[in-house]
Amino acid sequence: MEFEKRQVSLTESLIGIEDIANQIKRDGHAPDTIIAIAKGGLIPARFLAKHLNIREIYSIGIKFYSDVGETMRVPKVYQDLPRTIRGSTALICDDILDSGDSIRVAMEEAVEAGCSKIITCSLHYKPRSKYKPNYLYEEIDNNIWIEYDWE
């Protein structure tokens, strides 16, 4: 499949992050923990933590892409979540949901770690994804490959 590359600036990403934070606040959700899906979700998670006044950020390392547009059959968890998140309300954050497999794995791991409630967010979302996040900034075409300034 041929991909159209789209550069997303840090400024645009920050606008999207603020939009997601406002959506979460408007709905009355109050996560006390953010779980960033590494590597893409690390930067958005840090800024969401600031907007939502969350002090605890954890990360889960999930490898799914081997190259642009090339996915592995099964996502690989290379960094586990700590069990100290037991009982927390977690916001799982990623930069983009393409297949939805990474966030699905992160949600399963968060449940296993004992999170009592999970909500999800992503800056960008492709309609072919098997999972739609609770909060997103922008839905994009399936054939677009996003390149963020932090990559």
N, C-alpha and C. Protein backbone atom coordinates (compact mmCIF):
# COMPACT_ATOMS: atom_id res chain seq x y z
N MET A 1 0.84 -1.18 0.00
CA MET A 1 0.00 0.00 0.00
C MET A 1 0.88 1.24 0.00
N GLU A 2 0.56 2.16 -0.84
CA GLU A 2 1.30 3.43 -0.93
C GLU A 2 0.74 4.41 0.10
N PHE A 3 1.63 5.03 0.86
CA PHE A 3 1.22 5.99 1.88
C PHE A 3 1.54 7.41 1.45
N GLU A 4 0.65 8.32 1.80
CA GLU A 4 0.89 9.74 1.64
C GLU A 4 1.41 10.24 2.99
N LYS A 5 2.62 10.80 3.00
CA LYS A 5 3.19 11.27 4.26
C LYS A 5 2.67 12.67 4.58
N ARG A 6 2.39 12.88 5.86
CA ARG A 6 1.92 14.18 6.34
C ARG A 6 2.72 14.57 7.57
N GLN A 7 3.36 15.70 7.51
CA GLN A 7 4.12 16.23 8.64
C GLN A 7 3.17 16.96 9.59
N VAL A 8 3.24 16.63 10.87
CA VAL A 8 2.44 17.30 11.89
C VAL A 8 3.39 18.04 12.81
N SER A 9 3.23 19.34 12.85
CA SER A 9 4.13 20.19 13.64
C SER A 9 3.84 20.04 15.14
N LEU A 10 4.80 20.45 15.94
CA LEU A 10 4.60 20.44 17.38
C LEU A 10 3.45 21.37 17.75
N THR A 11 3.35 22.50 17.08
CA THR A 11 2.26 23.44 17.36
C THR A 11 0.90 22.79 17.12
N GLU A 12 0.76 22.09 15.98
CA GLU A 12 -0.51 21.41 15.70
C GLU A 12 -0.78 20.32 16.73
N SER A 13 0.26 19.59 17.11
CA SER A 13 0.10 18.55 18.12
C SER A 13 -0.35 19.13 19.45
N LEU A 14 0.22 20.25 19.85
CA LEU A 14 -0.15 20.89 21.12
C LEU A 14 -1.60 21.37 21.09
N ILE A 15 -2.05 21.85 19.95
CA ILE A 15 -3.45 22.25 19.80
C ILE A 15 -4.35 21.03 19.97
N GLY A 16 -3.95 19.91 19.35
CA GLY A 16 -4.72 18.67 19.48
C GLY A 16 -4.75 18.15 20.90
N ILE A 17 -3.63 18.22 21.59
CA ILE A 17 -3.54 17.75 22.98
C ILE A 17 -4.45 18.59 23.87
N GLU A 18 -4.44 19.89 23.69
CA GLU A 18 -5.31 20.76 24.48
C GLU A 18 -6.78 20.46 24.19
N ASP A 19 -7.09 20.20 22.94
CA ASP A 19 -8.46 19.85 22.56
C ASP A 19 -8.91 18.57 23.27
N ILE A 20 -8.05 17.56 23.27
CA ILE A 20 -8.38 16.30 23.95
C ILE A 20 -8.58 16.54 25.44
N ALA A 21 -7.68 17.30 26.06
CA ALA A 21 -7.81 17.61 27.49
C ALA A 21 -9.13 18.30 27.78
N ASN A 22 -9.53 19.23 26.94
CA ASN A 22 -10.80 19.93 27.14
C ASN A 22 -11.99 18.98 26.98
N GLN A 23 -11.91 18.04 26.05
CA GLN A 23 -12.98 17.05 25.89
C GLN A 23 -13.12 16.20 27.16
N ILE A 24 -11.98 15.77 27.70
CA ILE A 24 -11.99 14.94 28.90
C ILE A 24 -12.58 15.72 30.08
N LYS A 25 -12.17 16.96 30.25
CA LYS A 25 -12.71 17.79 31.33
C LYS A 25 -14.20 18.01 31.16
N ARG A 26 -14.62 18.30 29.92
CA ARG A 26 -16.04 18.56 29.64
C ARG A 26 -16.90 17.36 30.01
N ASP A 27 -16.37 16.15 29.78
CA ASP A 27 -17.13 14.94 30.10
C ASP A 27 -17.05 14.56 31.57
N GLY A 28 -16.26 15.29 32.34
CA GLY A 28 -16.19 15.05 33.77
C GLY A 28 -15.30 13.89 34.19
N HIS A 29 -14.48 13.40 33.28
CA HIS A 29 -13.54 12.34 33.65
C HIS A 29 -12.39 12.94 34.44
N ALA A 30 -11.91 12.18 35.40
CA ALA A 30 -10.80 12.65 36.24
C ALA A 30 -9.77 11.54 36.40
N PRO A 31 -9.02 11.25 35.33
CA PRO A 31 -7.98 10.22 35.48
C PRO A 31 -6.92 10.69 36.47
N ASP A 32 -6.38 9.74 37.24
CA ASP A 32 -5.31 10.09 38.17
C ASP A 32 -3.96 9.58 37.71
N THR A 33 -3.96 8.84 36.60
CA THR A 33 -2.74 8.27 36.05
C THR A 33 -2.81 8.34 34.53
N ILE A 34 -1.68 8.59 33.90
CA ILE A 34 -1.60 8.48 32.45
C ILE A 34 -0.65 7.35 32.12
N ILE A 35 -1.07 6.52 31.18
CA ILE A 35 -0.21 5.48 30.65
C ILE A 35 0.10 5.85 29.20
N ALA A 36 1.35 6.15 28.95
CA ALA A 36 1.79 6.51 27.59
C ALA A 36 2.24 5.25 26.88
N ILE A 37 1.80 5.08 25.65
CA ILE A 37 2.29 3.98 24.84
C ILE A 37 3.58 4.47 24.18
N ALA A 38 4.69 3.86 24.58
CA ALA A 38 6.00 4.27 24.06
C ALA A 38 6.21 3.66 22.69
N LYS A 39 6.73 4.44 21.83
CA LYS A 39 7.35 5.72 22.04
C LYS A 39 6.41 6.88 21.68
N GLY A 40 5.49 6.66 20.77
CA GLY A 40 4.68 7.75 20.23
C GLY A 40 3.82 8.49 21.22
N GLY A 41 3.35 7.83 22.26
CA GLY A 41 2.47 8.47 23.21
C GLY A 41 3.16 9.24 24.32
N LEU A 42 4.49 9.18 24.37
CA LEU A 42 5.22 9.82 25.47
C LEU A 42 5.07 11.35 25.48
N ILE A 43 5.25 11.97 24.35
CA ILE A 43 5.17 13.44 24.29
C ILE A 43 3.73 13.91 24.55
N PRO A 44 2.72 13.37 23.85
CA PRO A 44 1.36 13.80 24.16
C PRO A 44 0.98 13.56 25.63
N ALA A 45 1.42 12.45 26.20
CA ALA A 45 1.08 12.15 27.60
C ALA A 45 1.63 13.22 28.54
N ARG A 46 2.84 13.67 28.29
CA ARG A 46 3.44 14.69 29.16
C ARG A 46 2.62 15.98 29.15
N PHE A 47 2.19 16.41 27.97
CA PHE A 47 1.41 17.64 27.88
C PHE A 47 -0.01 17.45 28.40
N LEU A 48 -0.59 16.27 28.20
CA LEU A 48 -1.91 15.99 28.78
C LEU A 48 -1.85 16.03 30.29
N ALA A 49 -0.77 15.50 30.87
CA ALA A 49 -0.61 15.52 32.32
C ALA A 49 -0.65 16.95 32.84
N LYS A 50 -0.01 17.85 32.12
CA LYS A 50 -0.01 19.25 32.53
C LYS A 50 -1.43 19.84 32.47
N HIS A 51 -2.11 19.61 31.36
CA HIS A 51 -3.47 20.16 31.19
C HIS A 51 -4.47 19.56 32.18
N LEU A 52 -4.28 18.30 32.54
CA LEU A 52 -5.24 17.61 33.41
C LEU A 52 -4.78 17.53 34.86
N ASN A 53 -3.62 18.16 35.15
CA ASN A 53 -3.06 18.18 36.50
C ASN A 53 -2.88 16.76 37.07
N ILE A 54 -2.27 15.92 36.25
CA ILE A 54 -1.98 14.54 36.65
C ILE A 54 -0.49 14.44 36.94
N ARG A 55 -0.16 13.89 38.10
CA ARG A 55 1.23 13.83 38.52
C ARG A 55 1.92 12.51 38.17
N GLU A 56 1.14 11.46 37.93
CA GLU A 56 1.74 10.16 37.68
C GLU A 56 1.61 9.77 36.21
N ILE A 57 2.76 9.60 35.56
CA ILE A 57 2.80 9.14 34.18
C ILE A 57 3.63 7.87 34.14
N TYR A 58 3.05 6.83 33.57
CA TYR A 58 3.75 5.57 33.37
C TYR A 58 3.81 5.30 31.88
N SER A 59 4.67 4.41 31.49
CA SER A 59 4.70 4.06 30.07
C SER A 59 4.71 2.55 29.92
N ILE A 60 4.17 2.14 28.80
CA ILE A 60 4.22 0.74 28.41
C ILE A 60 4.87 0.72 27.03
N GLY A 61 5.88 -0.08 26.89
CA GLY A 61 6.58 -0.17 25.61
C GLY A 61 5.98 -1.26 24.75
N ILE A 62 5.44 -0.85 23.60
CA ILE A 62 4.84 -1.81 22.68
C ILE A 62 5.41 -1.55 21.30
N LYS A 63 6.03 -2.55 20.73
CA LYS A 63 6.60 -2.42 19.39
C LYS A 63 5.67 -3.12 18.41
N PHE A 64 5.28 -2.38 17.38
CA PHE A 64 4.37 -2.96 16.40
C PHE A 64 4.83 -2.74 14.97
N TYR A 65 5.56 -1.64 14.74
CA TYR A 65 6.02 -1.35 13.38
C TYR A 65 7.48 -1.71 13.22
N SER A 66 7.80 -2.34 12.11
CA SER A 66 9.20 -2.62 11.80
C SER A 66 9.75 -1.58 10.84
N ASP A 67 8.87 -0.91 10.09
CA ASP A 67 9.25 0.15 9.15
C ASP A 67 7.97 0.88 8.75
N VAL A 68 8.09 1.93 7.96
CA VAL A 68 6.92 2.69 7.52
C VAL A 68 5.93 1.74 6.85
N GLY A 69 4.74 1.65 7.43
CA GLY A 69 3.69 0.82 6.87
C GLY A 69 3.86 -0.67 7.04
N GLU A 70 4.95 -1.11 7.67
CA GLU A 70 5.20 -2.54 7.85
C GLU A 70 5.00 -2.92 9.32
N THR A 71 3.97 -3.71 9.55
CA THR A 71 3.67 -4.11 10.92
C THR A 71 4.10 -5.55 11.18
N MET A 72 4.35 -5.82 12.44
CA MET A 72 4.64 -7.19 12.86
C MET A 72 3.29 -7.87 13.12
N ARG A 73 3.27 -9.19 13.08
CA ARG A 73 2.01 -9.91 13.29
C ARG A 73 1.44 -9.69 14.68
N VAL A 74 2.31 -9.73 15.68
CA VAL A 74 1.88 -9.61 17.07
C VAL A 74 2.68 -8.49 17.72
N PRO A 75 2.00 -7.51 18.33
CA PRO A 75 2.75 -6.46 19.03
C PRO A 75 3.58 -7.07 20.16
N LYS A 76 4.75 -6.51 20.36
CA LYS A 76 5.65 -7.01 21.40
C LYS A 76 5.72 -6.00 22.55
N VAL A 77 5.39 -6.45 23.76
CA VAL A 77 5.51 -5.61 24.95
C VAL A 77 6.95 -5.73 25.43
N TYR A 78 7.68 -4.62 25.40
CA TYR A 78 9.07 -4.65 25.83
C TYR A 78 9.28 -3.86 27.12
N GLN A 79 8.22 -3.22 27.63
CA GLN A 79 8.29 -2.54 28.92
C GLN A 79 6.92 -2.69 29.59
N ASP A 80 6.89 -3.38 30.70
CA ASP A 80 5.64 -3.66 31.41
C ASP A 80 5.20 -2.48 32.28
N LEU A 81 3.94 -2.50 32.65
CA LEU A 81 3.40 -1.53 33.60
C LEU A 81 3.69 -1.98 35.03
N PRO A 82 3.92 -1.04 35.94
CA PRO A 82 4.13 -1.43 37.34
C PRO A 82 2.79 -1.79 37.99
N ARG A 83 2.83 -2.61 38.98
CA ARG A 83 1.60 -3.00 39.69
C ARG A 83 1.14 -1.90 40.65
N THR A 84 1.90 -0.84 40.78
CA THR A 84 1.52 0.26 41.67
C THR A 84 0.34 1.06 41.11
N ILE A 85 -0.08 0.79 39.89
CA ILE A 85 -1.23 1.52 39.33
C ILE A 85 -2.56 0.86 39.71
N ARG A 86 -2.49 -0.20 40.51
CA ARG A 86 -3.70 -0.90 40.94
C ARG A 86 -4.70 0.09 41.54
N GLY A 87 -5.95 0.01 41.08
CA GLY A 87 -7.01 0.86 41.60
C GLY A 87 -7.10 2.23 40.96
N SER A 88 -6.19 2.57 40.08
CA SER A 88 -6.20 3.91 39.48
C SER A 88 -7.18 4.02 38.31
N THR A 89 -7.55 5.25 38.03
CA THR A 89 -8.30 5.58 36.82
C THR A 89 -7.26 6.05 35.82
N ALA A 90 -7.06 5.27 34.77
CA ALA A 90 -5.95 5.52 33.85
C ALA A 90 -6.45 6.07 32.52
N LEU A 91 -5.69 7.03 32.02
CA LEU A 91 -5.86 7.54 30.66
C LEU A 91 -4.73 6.96 29.84
N ILE A 92 -5.06 6.08 28.88
CA ILE A 92 -4.05 5.50 28.01
C ILE A 92 -3.94 6.39 26.78
N CYS A 93 -2.70 6.80 26.48
CA CYS A 93 -2.45 7.80 25.45
C CYS A 93 -1.48 7.28 24.39
N ASP A 94 -1.84 7.51 23.13
CA ASP A 94 -0.94 7.22 22.02
C ASP A 94 -1.03 8.38 21.03
N ASP A 95 -0.06 8.44 20.13
CA ASP A 95 -0.09 9.51 19.13
C ASP A 95 -1.07 9.20 18.01
N ILE A 96 -1.12 7.95 17.55
CA ILE A 96 -2.00 7.58 16.44
C ILE A 96 -2.50 6.16 16.61
N LEU A 97 -3.76 5.94 16.29
CA LEU A 97 -4.32 4.59 16.24
C LEU A 97 -4.47 4.23 14.78
N ASP A 98 -3.63 3.29 14.38
CA ASP A 98 -3.62 2.84 12.99
C ASP A 98 -4.39 1.52 12.90
N SER A 99 -3.85 0.48 13.47
CA SER A 99 -4.55 -0.82 13.48
C SER A 99 -5.40 -0.97 14.75
N GLY A 100 -5.00 -0.28 15.82
CA GLY A 100 -5.68 -0.42 17.10
C GLY A 100 -5.09 -1.51 17.97
N ASP A 101 -4.13 -2.26 17.43
CA ASP A 101 -3.56 -3.38 18.18
C ASP A 101 -2.74 -2.94 19.39
N SER A 102 -1.98 -1.88 19.25
CA SER A 102 -1.15 -1.42 20.37
C SER A 102 -1.99 -0.97 21.55
N ILE A 103 -3.04 -0.20 21.28
CA ILE A 103 -3.86 0.28 22.40
C ILE A 103 -4.65 -0.88 23.02
N ARG A 104 -5.02 -1.85 22.21
CA ARG A 104 -5.71 -3.03 22.75
C ARG A 104 -4.80 -3.76 23.73
N VAL A 105 -3.54 -3.94 23.34
CA VAL A 105 -2.57 -4.60 24.22
C VAL A 105 -2.37 -3.76 25.49
N ALA A 106 -2.25 -2.45 25.34
CA ALA A 106 -2.05 -1.58 26.50
C ALA A 106 -3.24 -1.67 27.46
N MET A 107 -4.45 -1.72 26.91
CA MET A 107 -5.64 -1.83 27.75
C MET A 107 -5.65 -3.17 28.51
N GLU A 108 -5.31 -4.25 27.82
CA GLU A 108 -5.24 -5.56 28.47
C GLU A 108 -4.21 -5.56 29.60
N GLU A 109 -3.06 -4.96 29.34
CA GLU A 109 -2.00 -4.88 30.36
C GLU A 109 -2.43 -4.02 31.54
N ALA A 110 -3.17 -2.93 31.27
CA ALA A 110 -3.64 -2.05 32.34
C ALA A 110 -4.66 -2.77 33.22
N VAL A 111 -5.53 -3.55 32.61
CA VAL A 111 -6.48 -4.35 33.39
C VAL A 111 -5.73 -5.37 34.25
N GLU A 112 -4.76 -6.03 33.64
CA GLU A 112 -3.97 -7.01 34.38
C GLU A 112 -3.21 -6.36 35.53
N ALA A 113 -2.77 -5.12 35.34
CA ALA A 113 -2.04 -4.40 36.40
C ALA A 113 -2.97 -3.89 37.48
N GLY A 114 -4.29 -3.95 37.24
CA GLY A 114 -5.24 -3.60 38.29
C GLY A 114 -5.91 -2.25 38.17
N CYS A 115 -5.82 -1.58 37.03
CA CYS A 115 -6.53 -0.30 36.89
C CYS A 115 -8.03 -0.52 37.06
N SER A 116 -8.67 0.38 37.78
CA SER A 116 -10.10 0.21 38.03
C SER A 116 -10.95 0.79 36.91
N LYS A 117 -10.43 1.79 36.20
CA LYS A 117 -11.16 2.40 35.09
C LYS A 117 -10.13 2.84 34.06
N ILE A 118 -10.49 2.68 32.79
CA ILE A 118 -9.59 3.04 31.70
C ILE A 118 -10.34 3.87 30.67
N ILE A 119 -9.74 5.00 30.30
CA ILE A 119 -10.21 5.77 29.15
C ILE A 119 -9.01 5.91 28.20
N THR A 120 -9.30 6.16 26.94
CA THR A 120 -8.24 6.17 25.94
C THR A 120 -8.29 7.44 25.11
N CYS A 121 -7.11 7.81 24.59
CA CYS A 121 -7.05 8.97 23.70
C CYS A 121 -5.92 8.81 22.70
N SER A 122 -6.05 9.53 21.61
CA SER A 122 -5.04 9.53 20.57
C SER A 122 -5.18 10.81 19.77
N LEU A 123 -4.05 11.38 19.38
CA LEU A 123 -4.12 12.57 18.53
C LEU A 123 -4.81 12.27 17.21
N HIS A 124 -4.40 11.18 16.57
CA HIS A 124 -4.94 10.82 15.27
C HIS A 124 -5.48 9.40 15.29
N TYR A 125 -6.48 9.18 14.46
CA TYR A 125 -7.18 7.90 14.40
C TYR A 125 -7.52 7.58 12.95
N LYS A 126 -7.25 6.33 12.55
CA LYS A 126 -7.61 5.87 11.21
C LYS A 126 -8.84 4.98 11.33
N PRO A 127 -9.81 5.15 10.44
CA PRO A 127 -11.06 4.39 10.54
C PRO A 127 -10.88 2.87 10.44
N ARG A 128 -9.79 2.39 9.88
CA ARG A 128 -9.58 0.95 9.80
C ARG A 128 -9.18 0.35 11.15
N SER A 129 -8.88 1.18 12.12
CA SER A 129 -8.47 0.71 13.43
C SER A 129 -9.55 -0.18 14.04
N LYS A 130 -9.13 -1.22 14.72
CA LYS A 130 -10.05 -2.14 15.38
C LYS A 130 -10.64 -1.52 16.65
N TYR A 131 -10.08 -0.40 17.07
CA TYR A 131 -10.54 0.26 18.28
C TYR A 131 -10.58 1.76 18.05
N LYS A 132 -11.65 2.41 18.47
CA LYS A 132 -11.74 3.87 18.40
C LYS A 132 -11.55 4.41 19.81
N PRO A 133 -10.62 5.35 19.98
CA PRO A 133 -10.37 5.87 21.33
C PRO A 133 -11.56 6.67 21.84
N ASN A 134 -11.65 6.78 23.15
CA ASN A 134 -12.70 7.60 23.75
C ASN A 134 -12.56 9.06 23.32
N TYR A 135 -11.31 9.49 23.17
CA TYR A 135 -11.04 10.89 22.80
C TYR A 135 -9.99 10.92 21.70
N LEU A 136 -10.21 11.79 20.71
CA LEU A 136 -9.26 11.95 19.63
C LEU A 136 -9.31 13.39 19.13
N TYR A 137 -8.24 13.77 18.48
CA TYR A 137 -8.18 15.10 17.89
C TYR A 137 -8.66 15.09 16.44
N GLU A 138 -8.17 14.12 15.66
CA GLU A 138 -8.51 14.14 14.24
C GLU A 138 -8.55 12.73 13.67
N GLU A 139 -9.60 12.46 12.89
CA GLU A 139 -9.66 11.23 12.12
C GLU A 139 -9.02 11.51 10.77
N ILE A 140 -8.15 10.61 10.34
CA ILE A 140 -7.43 10.80 9.07
C ILE A 140 -7.67 9.60 8.16
N ASP A 141 -7.38 9.77 6.88
CA ASP A 141 -7.53 8.68 5.92
C ASP A 141 -6.57 7.55 6.23
N ASN A 142 -6.97 6.35 5.89
CA ASN A 142 -6.15 5.16 6.14
C ASN A 142 -4.81 5.19 5.42
N ASN A 143 -4.72 5.89 4.30
CA ASN A 143 -3.49 5.88 3.50
C ASN A 143 -2.51 7.00 3.87
N ILE A 144 -2.75 7.69 4.97
CA ILE A 144 -1.85 8.76 5.40
C ILE A 144 -0.89 8.22 6.46
N TRP A 145 0.39 8.53 6.30
CA TRP A 145 1.42 8.17 7.28
C TRP A 145 1.85 9.47 7.96
N ILE A 146 1.54 9.59 9.25
CA ILE A 146 1.84 10.81 10.01
C ILE A 146 3.30 10.78 10.46
N GLU A 147 3.97 11.90 10.30
CA GLU A 147 5.31 12.10 10.86
C GLU A 147 5.23 13.31 11.80
N TYR A 148 5.42 13.04 13.09
CA TYR A 148 5.37 14.10 14.08
C TYR A 148 6.74 14.75 14.21
N ASP A 149 6.76 16.02 14.63
CA ASP A 149 8.03 16.74 14.80
C ASP A 149 8.98 16.04 15.76
N TRP A 150 8.47 15.31 16.72
CA TRP A 150 9.34 14.68 17.72
C TRP A 150 9.93 13.36 17.25
N GLU A 151 9.63 12.94 16.06
CA GLU A 151 10.20 11.68 15.56
C GLU A 151 11.55 11.92 14.92
